[in-house]
N, C-alpha and C. Protein backbone atom coordinates (compact mmCIF):
# COMPACT_ATOMS: atom_id res chain seq x y z
N MET A 1 -174.43 -38.84 66.00
CA MET A 1 -173.09 -39.18 64.98
C MET A 1 -172.70 -40.46 65.64
N ASP A 2 -172.53 -41.20 64.43
CA ASP A 2 -171.98 -42.62 64.55
C ASP A 2 -170.51 -42.39 64.65
N TRP A 3 -169.89 -42.91 64.82
CA TRP A 3 -168.26 -43.44 64.81
C TRP A 3 -167.87 -43.92 63.03
N GLU A 4 -168.65 -44.31 62.59
CA GLU A 4 -168.71 -44.67 61.23
C GLU A 4 -168.44 -43.24 60.15
N THR A 5 -169.41 -42.34 60.55
CA THR A 5 -169.90 -41.13 60.21
C THR A 5 -168.86 -40.55 60.87
N VAL A 6 -167.76 -40.18 61.60
CA VAL A 6 -167.16 -39.10 61.99
C VAL A 6 -165.67 -39.46 61.65
N PHE A 7 -165.64 -40.91 61.60
CA PHE A 7 -164.49 -41.70 60.63
C PHE A 7 -164.17 -41.20 59.43
N LYS A 8 -165.39 -41.51 58.67
CA LYS A 8 -165.64 -40.52 56.94
C LYS A 8 -165.15 -38.98 57.42
N PHE A 9 -165.74 -38.41 58.26
CA PHE A 9 -165.62 -37.15 58.23
C PHE A 9 -164.12 -36.50 58.19
N ILE A 10 -163.03 -37.31 59.40
CA ILE A 10 -162.24 -37.14 59.64
C ILE A 10 -161.57 -37.55 58.15
N THR A 11 -161.63 -38.97 57.88
CA THR A 11 -160.44 -39.33 56.35
C THR A 11 -160.91 -38.24 55.55
N ALA A 12 -162.19 -37.81 55.35
CA ALA A 12 -162.07 -36.46 54.02
C ALA A 12 -161.20 -35.60 54.39
N SER A 13 -161.66 -34.50 55.46
CA SER A 13 -161.15 -33.45 55.80
C SER A 13 -159.47 -33.82 56.15
N THR A 14 -159.18 -34.63 56.17
CA THR A 14 -157.51 -35.24 56.23
C THR A 14 -156.90 -35.11 54.68
N ALA A 15 -157.98 -36.27 53.96
CA ALA A 15 -157.67 -36.11 52.34
C ALA A 15 -157.80 -34.40 51.87
N SER A 16 -158.77 -34.27 52.49
CA SER A 16 -158.92 -32.96 51.25
C SER A 16 -157.70 -31.94 51.83
N ILE A 17 -157.09 -31.67 52.62
CA ILE A 17 -155.77 -31.24 53.25
C ILE A 17 -154.46 -31.60 53.18
N GLY A 18 -154.50 -32.56 53.02
CA GLY A 18 -153.64 -33.37 51.91
C GLY A 18 -153.29 -33.04 50.81
N ILE A 19 -154.59 -33.45 50.08
CA ILE A 19 -154.22 -33.08 48.52
C ILE A 19 -154.65 -31.71 48.13
N GLY A 20 -154.59 -30.16 49.25
CA GLY A 20 -154.66 -29.13 48.54
C GLY A 20 -153.05 -28.75 49.48
N GLY A 21 -152.54 -29.52 50.23
CA GLY A 21 -151.77 -29.47 51.37
C GLY A 21 -150.54 -29.78 50.25
N ALA A 22 -150.69 -30.45 49.23
CA ALA A 22 -149.75 -31.48 48.27
C ALA A 22 -149.98 -30.55 46.85
N ALA A 23 -150.90 -29.99 46.77
CA ALA A 23 -150.91 -28.66 45.38
C ALA A 23 -150.15 -27.95 46.14
N ILE A 24 -149.83 -27.19 47.29
CA ILE A 24 -149.73 -26.32 47.58
C ILE A 24 -148.20 -26.60 47.82
N PHE A 25 -147.45 -27.77 48.53
CA PHE A 25 -146.81 -27.67 48.42
C PHE A 25 -145.83 -27.62 47.10
N ALA A 26 -146.59 -28.67 46.32
CA ALA A 26 -145.68 -28.30 44.75
C ALA A 26 -145.66 -27.43 44.01
N LEU A 27 -146.71 -26.60 44.42
CA LEU A 27 -146.39 -25.22 43.56
C LEU A 27 -145.94 -24.43 44.31
N SER A 28 -145.41 -24.40 45.15
CA SER A 28 -144.33 -23.22 45.82
C SER A 28 -142.77 -24.13 46.20
N SER A 29 -142.95 -25.66 45.63
CA SER A 29 -141.70 -26.03 45.23
C SER A 29 -141.04 -25.42 43.87
N TRP A 30 -142.15 -25.41 42.72
CA TRP A 30 -141.88 -25.65 41.68
C TRP A 30 -141.77 -23.56 41.49
N LEU A 31 -142.46 -23.18 42.35
CA LEU A 31 -141.89 -21.20 42.27
C LEU A 31 -140.53 -21.37 42.87
N GLY A 32 -140.34 -21.86 44.21
CA GLY A 32 -139.25 -21.68 44.28
C GLY A 32 -138.03 -21.21 43.96
N LYS A 33 -137.97 -23.13 42.61
CA LYS A 33 -136.95 -23.48 42.09
C LYS A 33 -137.12 -22.70 40.35
N VAL A 34 -138.64 -21.89 40.09
CA VAL A 34 -138.14 -20.46 39.63
C VAL A 34 -137.17 -19.63 40.11
N TRP A 35 -137.72 -19.48 41.21
CA TRP A 35 -136.64 -18.12 41.94
C TRP A 35 -135.18 -18.40 41.85
N ALA A 36 -135.22 -20.02 42.44
CA ALA A 36 -133.77 -19.82 42.60
C ALA A 36 -132.77 -19.95 41.70
N ASN A 37 -133.67 -20.60 40.24
CA ASN A 37 -133.01 -19.97 38.81
C ASN A 37 -132.66 -19.01 38.05
N ARG A 38 -133.48 -17.90 38.76
CA ARG A 38 -133.06 -16.68 38.29
C ARG A 38 -132.52 -15.73 38.91
N ILE A 39 -132.13 -16.36 40.19
CA ILE A 39 -131.08 -15.71 41.17
C ILE A 39 -130.18 -15.99 40.98
N LEU A 40 -130.10 -17.64 40.62
CA LEU A 40 -128.67 -18.16 40.29
C LEU A 40 -128.05 -17.37 39.18
N ALA A 41 -128.84 -17.12 37.91
CA ALA A 41 -128.81 -16.88 36.33
C ALA A 41 -128.38 -15.32 36.56
N ASP A 42 -129.18 -14.88 37.22
CA ASP A 42 -128.63 -13.20 37.86
C ASP A 42 -126.91 -13.40 38.63
N GLN A 43 -126.90 -14.11 39.75
CA GLN A 43 -125.58 -14.27 39.98
C GLN A 43 -124.23 -14.58 39.30
N THR A 44 -124.52 -15.39 38.56
CA THR A 44 -123.56 -15.93 37.48
C THR A 44 -123.40 -15.02 36.35
N HIS A 45 -124.16 -13.88 36.01
CA HIS A 45 -123.98 -13.17 35.26
C HIS A 45 -123.24 -11.77 35.65
N GLU A 46 -123.29 -11.98 37.37
CA GLU A 46 -122.69 -10.65 37.35
C GLU A 46 -121.59 -11.17 38.15
N LEU A 47 -121.25 -12.62 38.36
CA LEU A 47 -120.02 -13.10 38.50
C LEU A 47 -119.22 -13.53 37.42
N ALA A 48 -119.34 -13.62 36.05
CA ALA A 48 -118.90 -13.30 35.08
C ALA A 48 -118.36 -12.27 34.88
N SER A 49 -119.50 -11.12 34.86
CA SER A 49 -118.93 -9.79 34.83
C SER A 49 -117.44 -9.35 35.68
N ALA A 50 -118.06 -9.36 36.39
CA ALA A 50 -116.46 -9.33 37.56
C ALA A 50 -115.48 -10.46 37.13
N LEU A 51 -115.39 -11.69 36.72
CA LEU A 51 -114.08 -12.29 36.56
C LEU A 51 -113.46 -11.48 34.99
N GLU A 52 -114.54 -11.61 34.33
CA GLU A 52 -114.09 -10.84 32.87
C GLU A 52 -113.24 -9.30 33.35
N LYS A 53 -113.50 -8.49 34.20
CA LYS A 53 -113.23 -7.15 34.45
C LYS A 53 -111.67 -7.23 35.32
N THR A 54 -111.64 -8.37 36.19
CA THR A 54 -110.77 -8.88 37.20
C THR A 54 -109.84 -9.30 35.72
N LYS A 55 -109.91 -10.34 35.11
CA LYS A 55 -109.09 -10.75 34.03
C LYS A 55 -108.33 -9.00 33.12
N ARG A 56 -109.58 -8.71 32.54
CA ARG A 56 -108.53 -7.59 31.60
C ARG A 56 -107.58 -6.74 32.59
N GLU A 57 -107.96 -6.52 34.29
CA GLU A 57 -106.92 -5.42 34.95
C GLU A 57 -105.81 -6.54 35.03
N LEU A 58 -105.79 -7.82 35.58
CA LEU A 58 -104.68 -8.37 35.53
C LEU A 58 -103.82 -8.65 34.09
N ASP A 59 -104.58 -8.76 32.89
CA ASP A 59 -103.96 -8.61 31.42
C ASP A 59 -102.83 -7.24 31.91
N LEU A 60 -103.42 -6.00 32.00
CA LEU A 60 -102.89 -4.60 31.90
C LEU A 60 -101.78 -4.71 33.06
N ILE A 61 -101.70 -5.24 33.93
CA ILE A 61 -101.00 -5.40 34.89
C ILE A 61 -99.75 -6.07 34.50
N LYS A 62 -100.23 -7.62 34.09
CA LYS A 62 -99.26 -8.46 33.05
C LYS A 62 -98.51 -7.47 32.07
N GLU A 63 -99.26 -7.00 31.26
CA GLU A 63 -98.37 -5.72 29.77
C GLU A 63 -97.83 -5.42 30.30
N THR A 64 -97.84 -3.99 31.14
CA THR A 64 -97.18 -3.03 32.26
C THR A 64 -96.04 -3.45 32.53
N THR A 65 -96.09 -4.75 33.20
CA THR A 65 -95.23 -5.33 34.03
C THR A 65 -94.20 -5.68 33.35
N LEU A 66 -94.13 -6.70 31.98
CA LEU A 66 -93.51 -6.82 30.84
C LEU A 66 -92.98 -5.78 30.26
N ARG A 67 -93.90 -4.82 30.39
CA ARG A 67 -93.05 -3.72 29.63
C ARG A 67 -91.86 -3.01 30.28
N PHE A 68 -92.12 -3.04 31.84
CA PHE A 68 -91.38 -2.17 32.13
C PHE A 68 -89.97 -3.26 33.04
N GLN A 69 -90.34 -4.53 32.59
CA GLN A 69 -88.79 -5.24 32.88
C GLN A 69 -88.30 -5.26 31.64
N ASN A 70 -88.70 -5.12 30.33
CA ASN A 70 -88.21 -4.82 28.71
C ASN A 70 -87.43 -3.53 28.81
N ASP A 71 -87.56 -2.76 29.58
CA ASP A 71 -87.61 -1.31 29.31
C ASP A 71 -85.96 -1.48 30.42
N LYS A 72 -86.05 -2.21 31.43
CA LYS A 72 -84.84 -2.55 32.51
C LYS A 72 -83.89 -3.09 31.45
N ILE A 73 -84.13 -4.34 31.18
CA ILE A 73 -83.47 -4.98 30.36
C ILE A 73 -82.49 -3.99 29.03
N LEU A 74 -82.65 -3.58 28.26
CA LEU A 74 -82.60 -2.56 27.21
C LEU A 74 -82.18 -1.92 28.29
N THR A 75 -82.27 -0.72 29.31
CA THR A 75 -81.05 0.25 29.66
C THR A 75 -80.31 -0.61 30.45
N TYR A 76 -80.13 -1.85 31.33
CA TYR A 76 -78.63 -2.36 31.35
C TYR A 76 -78.17 -2.47 30.41
N ARG A 77 -78.81 -3.57 29.24
CA ARG A 77 -77.35 -3.11 28.29
C ARG A 77 -77.07 -2.19 27.86
N ALA A 78 -77.38 -1.03 27.57
CA ALA A 78 -77.64 0.27 26.99
C ALA A 78 -75.95 0.50 27.81
N THR A 79 -76.02 0.18 29.88
CA THR A 79 -75.23 0.47 30.53
C THR A 79 -73.68 -0.30 30.10
N ILE A 80 -74.15 -1.89 29.69
CA ILE A 80 -73.11 -2.56 29.29
C ILE A 80 -72.36 -1.83 28.29
N ASP A 81 -73.38 -1.77 27.21
CA ASP A 81 -72.42 -1.12 25.82
C ASP A 81 -71.07 0.17 26.20
N VAL A 82 -72.28 1.23 26.80
CA VAL A 82 -71.23 2.30 27.10
C VAL A 82 -70.03 1.60 28.29
N VAL A 83 -70.27 0.82 29.06
CA VAL A 83 -69.11 0.71 29.72
C VAL A 83 -68.14 -0.37 29.02
N SER A 84 -69.01 -1.12 28.64
CA SER A 84 -67.70 -2.02 27.20
C SER A 84 -67.03 -1.39 26.51
N ARG A 85 -67.20 -0.11 25.14
CA ARG A 85 -66.78 0.84 24.65
C ARG A 85 -65.42 1.29 25.93
N ILE A 86 -65.78 2.11 26.63
CA ILE A 86 -64.57 2.62 26.80
C ILE A 86 -63.45 1.60 28.13
N LEU A 87 -63.87 0.46 28.09
CA LEU A 87 -62.64 -0.36 28.45
C LEU A 87 -62.15 -0.85 27.38
N SER A 88 -62.48 -1.45 26.41
CA SER A 88 -62.06 -1.59 24.93
C SER A 88 -61.18 -0.14 24.48
N SER A 89 -61.45 1.19 24.81
CA SER A 89 -60.84 1.91 24.99
C SER A 89 -59.75 1.81 25.73
N PHE A 90 -59.73 1.69 26.49
CA PHE A 90 -58.81 1.60 28.26
C PHE A 90 -57.88 1.00 27.52
N ASP A 91 -58.06 -0.41 27.27
CA ASP A 91 -57.18 -1.19 26.65
C ASP A 91 -56.58 -1.18 25.45
N SER A 92 -56.69 -0.85 25.01
CA SER A 92 -56.39 -0.07 23.64
C SER A 92 -55.26 1.03 23.89
N HIS A 93 -55.59 2.11 24.87
CA HIS A 93 -54.78 3.06 25.16
C HIS A 93 -53.45 1.85 26.37
N GLU A 94 -53.33 1.21 26.89
CA GLU A 94 -52.46 0.72 27.70
C GLU A 94 -51.56 -0.13 26.36
N MET A 95 -52.36 -0.98 25.47
CA MET A 95 -51.41 -1.56 24.96
C MET A 95 -50.56 -0.32 24.08
N GLY A 96 -51.14 0.58 23.97
CA GLY A 96 -50.05 1.35 22.92
C GLY A 96 -50.88 1.74 21.42
N ARG A 97 -52.08 0.85 21.30
CA ARG A 97 -52.75 0.71 20.12
C ARG A 97 -53.75 2.31 19.89
N LEU A 98 -53.88 2.76 20.92
CA LEU A 98 -55.02 4.14 20.68
C LEU A 98 -53.94 5.70 20.59
N GLN A 99 -54.29 6.32 19.70
CA GLN A 99 -53.63 7.62 19.86
C GLN A 99 -54.30 8.15 20.71
N PRO A 100 -53.49 9.75 21.13
CA PRO A 100 -54.10 10.20 22.13
C PRO A 100 -55.28 10.83 21.74
N HIS A 101 -55.18 11.46 20.47
CA HIS A 101 -56.23 12.19 19.90
C HIS A 101 -57.54 11.04 19.95
N GLU A 102 -57.32 10.15 19.60
CA GLU A 102 -58.46 9.12 19.66
C GLU A 102 -58.88 8.82 21.00
N ALA A 103 -58.07 8.98 21.93
CA ALA A 103 -58.37 8.62 23.43
C ALA A 103 -59.52 9.38 23.97
N GLY A 104 -58.86 10.80 23.32
CA GLY A 104 -59.63 11.93 24.08
C GLY A 104 -60.88 11.87 23.34
N SER A 105 -61.10 11.60 21.84
CA SER A 105 -62.50 11.41 21.39
C SER A 105 -63.35 10.47 22.08
N ARG A 106 -62.83 9.17 22.29
CA ARG A 106 -63.16 7.86 22.95
C ARG A 106 -64.10 8.55 23.89
N PHE A 107 -63.00 8.98 25.41
CA PHE A 107 -63.56 9.65 26.55
C PHE A 107 -65.23 10.29 26.42
N ASP A 108 -64.84 11.73 25.55
CA ASP A 108 -65.93 12.76 25.48
C ASP A 108 -67.05 11.66 24.72
N GLU A 109 -66.57 10.57 24.06
CA GLU A 109 -68.44 9.70 23.75
C GLU A 109 -68.95 9.54 24.98
N PHE A 110 -67.89 8.56 25.51
CA PHE A 110 -67.58 7.96 26.57
C PHE A 110 -69.03 9.12 27.83
N ASN A 111 -68.40 10.00 27.73
CA ASN A 111 -68.74 11.38 29.02
C ASN A 111 -69.67 11.02 28.62
N GLU A 112 -70.32 11.39 27.16
CA GLU A 112 -71.55 11.57 26.77
C GLU A 112 -72.43 10.48 27.15
N GLN A 113 -72.30 9.13 26.61
CA GLN A 113 -73.47 7.75 27.01
C GLN A 113 -73.09 7.97 28.38
N ARG A 114 -72.16 8.06 29.34
CA ARG A 114 -72.57 7.39 30.85
C ARG A 114 -73.58 8.17 31.58
N MET A 115 -73.77 9.90 30.48
CA MET A 115 -74.55 11.09 31.81
C MET A 115 -75.95 10.18 30.94
N ARG A 116 -76.27 9.81 29.67
CA ARG A 116 -77.21 9.99 28.95
C ARG A 116 -77.95 8.15 29.86
N VAL A 117 -76.70 6.98 29.63
CA VAL A 117 -77.13 5.81 30.65
C VAL A 117 -77.57 6.18 32.21
N TYR A 118 -77.25 7.58 32.40
CA TYR A 118 -77.72 7.70 33.79
C TYR A 118 -79.02 7.57 34.21
N GLY A 119 -79.57 8.93 33.68
CA GLY A 119 -80.57 9.47 33.51
C GLY A 119 -81.79 7.76 32.91
N TYR A 120 -81.14 7.05 31.87
CA TYR A 120 -82.13 5.97 31.89
C TYR A 120 -82.13 5.27 32.97
N LEU A 121 -80.78 4.75 33.71
CA LEU A 121 -81.20 3.96 34.78
C LEU A 121 -81.68 4.91 36.36
N ALA A 122 -81.80 6.16 36.32
CA ALA A 122 -82.59 6.55 37.61
C ALA A 122 -83.80 6.55 37.50
N MET A 123 -84.37 6.57 36.44
CA MET A 123 -85.74 6.12 35.93
C MET A 123 -86.04 5.06 35.93
N LEU A 124 -85.33 4.22 36.43
CA LEU A 124 -86.06 2.51 36.15
C LEU A 124 -85.23 2.02 37.69
N ALA A 125 -83.90 1.75 37.51
CA ALA A 125 -83.13 0.78 38.69
C ALA A 125 -83.15 1.42 39.91
N PRO A 126 -83.07 0.65 40.98
CA PRO A 126 -83.05 0.76 42.31
C PRO A 126 -82.26 1.25 42.74
N GLN A 127 -81.82 1.86 43.76
CA GLN A 127 -80.43 2.62 44.55
C GLN A 127 -79.84 1.88 44.74
N SER A 128 -79.33 0.49 44.83
CA SER A 128 -78.36 -0.66 44.54
C SER A 128 -77.59 -0.29 43.91
N VAL A 129 -78.50 -0.80 42.02
CA VAL A 129 -78.16 -0.92 40.77
C VAL A 129 -76.83 0.73 40.80
N MET A 130 -77.58 2.00 41.08
CA MET A 130 -77.34 2.62 40.82
C MET A 130 -76.29 3.54 41.97
N ASP A 131 -76.25 2.66 42.72
CA ASP A 131 -75.14 3.10 43.67
C ASP A 131 -73.26 1.92 42.97
N ALA A 132 -73.95 1.05 42.50
CA ALA A 132 -72.82 0.30 41.89
C ALA A 132 -72.31 0.92 40.72
N GLN A 133 -73.54 1.29 40.12
CA GLN A 133 -72.62 2.09 38.56
C GLN A 133 -72.48 3.04 39.03
N ASP A 134 -72.60 4.04 40.24
CA ASP A 134 -71.80 5.15 40.43
C ASP A 134 -70.14 4.93 40.56
N LYS A 135 -70.23 3.85 41.53
CA LYS A 135 -68.73 3.22 41.65
C LYS A 135 -68.52 2.90 40.38
N LEU A 136 -68.76 2.43 40.11
CA LEU A 136 -67.88 2.37 38.40
C LEU A 136 -67.67 3.42 37.56
N MET A 137 -68.75 3.62 37.55
CA MET A 137 -68.15 5.27 36.56
C MET A 137 -67.34 6.11 37.40
N ASP A 138 -67.05 6.75 38.09
CA ASP A 138 -66.43 7.35 39.01
C ASP A 138 -65.04 6.83 39.22
N HIS A 139 -64.79 5.31 39.07
CA HIS A 139 -63.82 4.65 39.06
C HIS A 139 -63.03 5.23 37.67
N LEU A 140 -63.79 4.90 36.72
CA LEU A 140 -63.49 4.71 34.98
C LEU A 140 -63.04 6.29 35.08
N LEU A 141 -64.07 7.39 35.16
CA LEU A 141 -63.12 8.86 35.35
C LEU A 141 -62.90 9.00 35.44
N LYS A 142 -61.97 8.48 37.25
CA LYS A 142 -60.52 8.55 37.99
C LYS A 142 -59.50 8.14 36.93
N ILE A 143 -59.96 7.35 36.29
CA ILE A 143 -58.77 6.80 35.35
C ILE A 143 -58.63 7.10 34.35
N SER A 144 -59.72 8.01 33.50
CA SER A 144 -59.58 8.82 32.80
C SER A 144 -58.96 10.11 32.53
N ASN A 145 -59.23 10.54 33.66
CA ASN A 145 -58.25 11.65 34.30
C ASN A 145 -56.87 11.68 34.99
N GLY A 146 -56.05 10.83 35.01
CA GLY A 146 -55.42 10.06 35.55
C GLY A 146 -55.00 9.72 37.09
N THR A 147 -56.09 10.18 37.80
CA THR A 147 -55.59 9.92 39.04
C THR A 147 -55.46 8.65 39.49
N GLU A 148 -56.05 7.76 38.78
CA GLU A 148 -56.62 6.35 39.24
C GLU A 148 -55.60 5.47 38.13
N LYS A 149 -54.85 4.93 38.82
CA LYS A 149 -53.75 3.67 37.56
C LYS A 149 -55.17 3.20 36.77
N TYR A 150 -55.46 1.81 35.37
CA TYR A 150 -55.91 1.39 35.14
C TYR A 150 -55.72 -0.11 35.53
N VAL A 151 -56.65 -0.92 36.73
CA VAL A 151 -55.93 -2.35 36.84
C VAL A 151 -57.24 -2.77 36.52
N TRP A 152 -56.89 -4.05 35.45
CA TRP A 152 -57.81 -4.24 35.00
C TRP A 152 -58.92 -5.16 36.09
N SER A 153 -57.96 -5.60 36.94
CA SER A 153 -59.22 -6.50 38.38
C SER A 153 -59.94 -5.91 38.95
N ASP A 154 -59.61 -4.61 39.36
CA ASP A 154 -60.51 -4.45 39.86
C ASP A 154 -61.86 -3.31 39.24
N VAL A 155 -61.34 -3.23 38.08
CA VAL A 155 -62.64 -2.55 36.76
C VAL A 155 -63.71 -3.51 37.23
N ARG A 156 -63.08 -5.08 36.52
CA ARG A 156 -63.74 -6.05 36.52
C ARG A 156 -64.77 -6.13 38.24
N GLU A 157 -63.65 -5.82 39.30
CA GLU A 157 -64.76 -6.72 40.24
C GLU A 157 -65.78 -5.30 40.10
N LEU A 158 -65.42 -4.27 40.05
CA LEU A 158 -66.56 -3.01 40.18
C LEU A 158 -67.90 -3.46 38.85
N ALA A 159 -67.59 -3.74 37.61
CA ALA A 159 -68.68 -4.24 36.42
C ALA A 159 -68.85 -5.08 37.35
N LEU A 160 -68.44 -6.46 37.59
CA LEU A 160 -69.34 -7.44 38.01
C LEU A 160 -70.45 -7.24 39.37
N ASN A 161 -69.79 -6.29 40.04
CA ASN A 161 -70.86 -5.69 41.24
C ASN A 161 -72.12 -5.29 40.53
N MET A 162 -72.01 -4.18 39.75
CA MET A 162 -72.81 -3.75 38.70
C MET A 162 -73.68 -4.61 38.12
N LEU A 163 -72.66 -5.63 37.34
CA LEU A 163 -73.90 -6.77 36.46
C LEU A 163 -74.66 -7.50 37.91
N ASN A 164 -74.17 -7.90 38.84
CA ASN A 164 -74.84 -8.41 39.87
C ASN A 164 -76.18 -7.73 40.62
N GLU A 165 -75.89 -6.55 40.38
CA GLU A 165 -77.18 -5.99 41.28
C GLU A 165 -78.27 -6.02 40.21
N ALA A 166 -77.62 -5.51 39.10
CA ALA A 166 -79.05 -5.63 37.94
C ALA A 166 -79.37 -6.88 37.59
N ARG A 167 -78.50 -8.38 37.72
CA ARG A 167 -79.35 -9.27 37.82
C ARG A 167 -80.68 -9.50 38.69
N LYS A 168 -79.34 -9.02 39.85
CA LYS A 168 -80.57 -9.28 40.84
C LYS A 168 -81.98 -8.37 41.22
N ASP A 169 -81.98 -7.12 40.40
CA ASP A 169 -82.96 -6.16 40.44
C ASP A 169 -84.16 -7.03 38.81
N ILE A 170 -83.86 -7.66 38.05
CA ILE A 170 -84.54 -8.37 37.09
C ILE A 170 -85.05 -9.66 37.05
N GLY A 171 -84.31 -9.98 38.70
CA GLY A 171 -84.75 -11.46 38.80
C GLY A 171 -84.52 -12.60 38.48
N ILE A 172 -82.90 -12.36 37.56
CA ILE A 172 -82.39 -13.53 36.99
C ILE A 172 -81.85 -14.13 37.87
N ASP A 173 -81.55 -13.89 39.06
CA ASP A 173 -80.42 -15.06 39.99
C ASP A 173 -80.29 -14.22 40.75
N LYS A 174 -80.44 -14.16 42.17
CA LYS A 174 -80.00 -13.17 43.17
C LYS A 174 -78.53 -14.14 43.25
N ARG A 175 -77.92 -15.07 42.90
CA ARG A 175 -76.38 -15.29 43.16
C ARG A 175 -75.35 -14.69 42.53
N SER A 176 -74.58 -14.07 43.32
CA SER A 176 -73.67 -13.34 42.18
C SER A 176 -72.54 -13.95 41.19
N ILE A 177 -72.60 -13.16 40.37
CA ILE A 177 -71.68 -13.79 39.35
C ILE A 177 -70.03 -13.66 39.81
N VAL A 178 -69.13 -14.32 39.79
CA VAL A 178 -68.20 -13.98 40.10
C VAL A 178 -66.70 -14.65 39.39
N TYR A 179 -65.44 -14.32 38.48
CA TYR A 179 -64.77 -14.20 38.04
C TYR A 179 -63.74 -15.10 38.51
N ASN A 180 -64.28 -16.38 37.63
CA ASN A 180 -63.11 -17.53 37.56
C ASN A 180 -61.94 -17.39 36.65
N GLY A 181 -61.27 -16.16 35.90
CA GLY A 181 -60.50 -16.93 35.01
C GLY A 181 -59.28 -16.69 35.97
N ASP A 182 -58.45 -16.26 34.74
CA ASP A 182 -56.70 -16.30 35.59
C ASP A 182 -56.16 -14.83 34.91
N LEU A 183 -56.65 -13.89 34.67
CA LEU A 183 -56.69 -12.45 34.27
C LEU A 183 -57.14 -11.52 35.39
C-alpha cells in the first residue's frame, strides 16, 4: 500500500465519521431541543397552576383579613356609640336637664348595651382593649351607682385610653391621642 492510498483511506474514513458524527450531532441536538421544550412546557404549566392556586389562597386570606378588620371597626364604633350615649346622659344629669326617671331608663339601656358590646369585643379585641374597656365601664357603673363622682377629666382619660388601645389594634396609629383642650 502506498502513501497516497493510505492518505485517501484516512481521509475517507475521517470524512465518513465526520459526516456521520455531524448527522448524529444534529439529530441529538434537535431531539434535545424537543425534549427540553416539552419539559419546559410541562414545568411552565405546573408553575402557572401553582401560582394560580397561591393567588386564590392569598385572595382568600386578604378577603378574610379585610372582613375581620371591618368587623373590628364596626364593633369599636358600637362601643363608642354606647359610651357616648351614657356620657351624654351623665352630662345632662349633672346639668339638671335629665329627670331621675329618665336617668334610670338611660342607665338600664346603657347596662344592656354595655353587656352586648362586651360580648362583641370579647370575640374580636385583644386583651389590652378589653382591659381599657373594663376600666372605663367599671368607672361608669360606679358613677351610675353613686359610689364614684362624675368627673369629666377622669372619664375622658379612661375613654381616650380605650380609644388608643383600639387604634393600636386596628393599626390606625401607634401614637396615643391626647386631649389638648381646656375643659
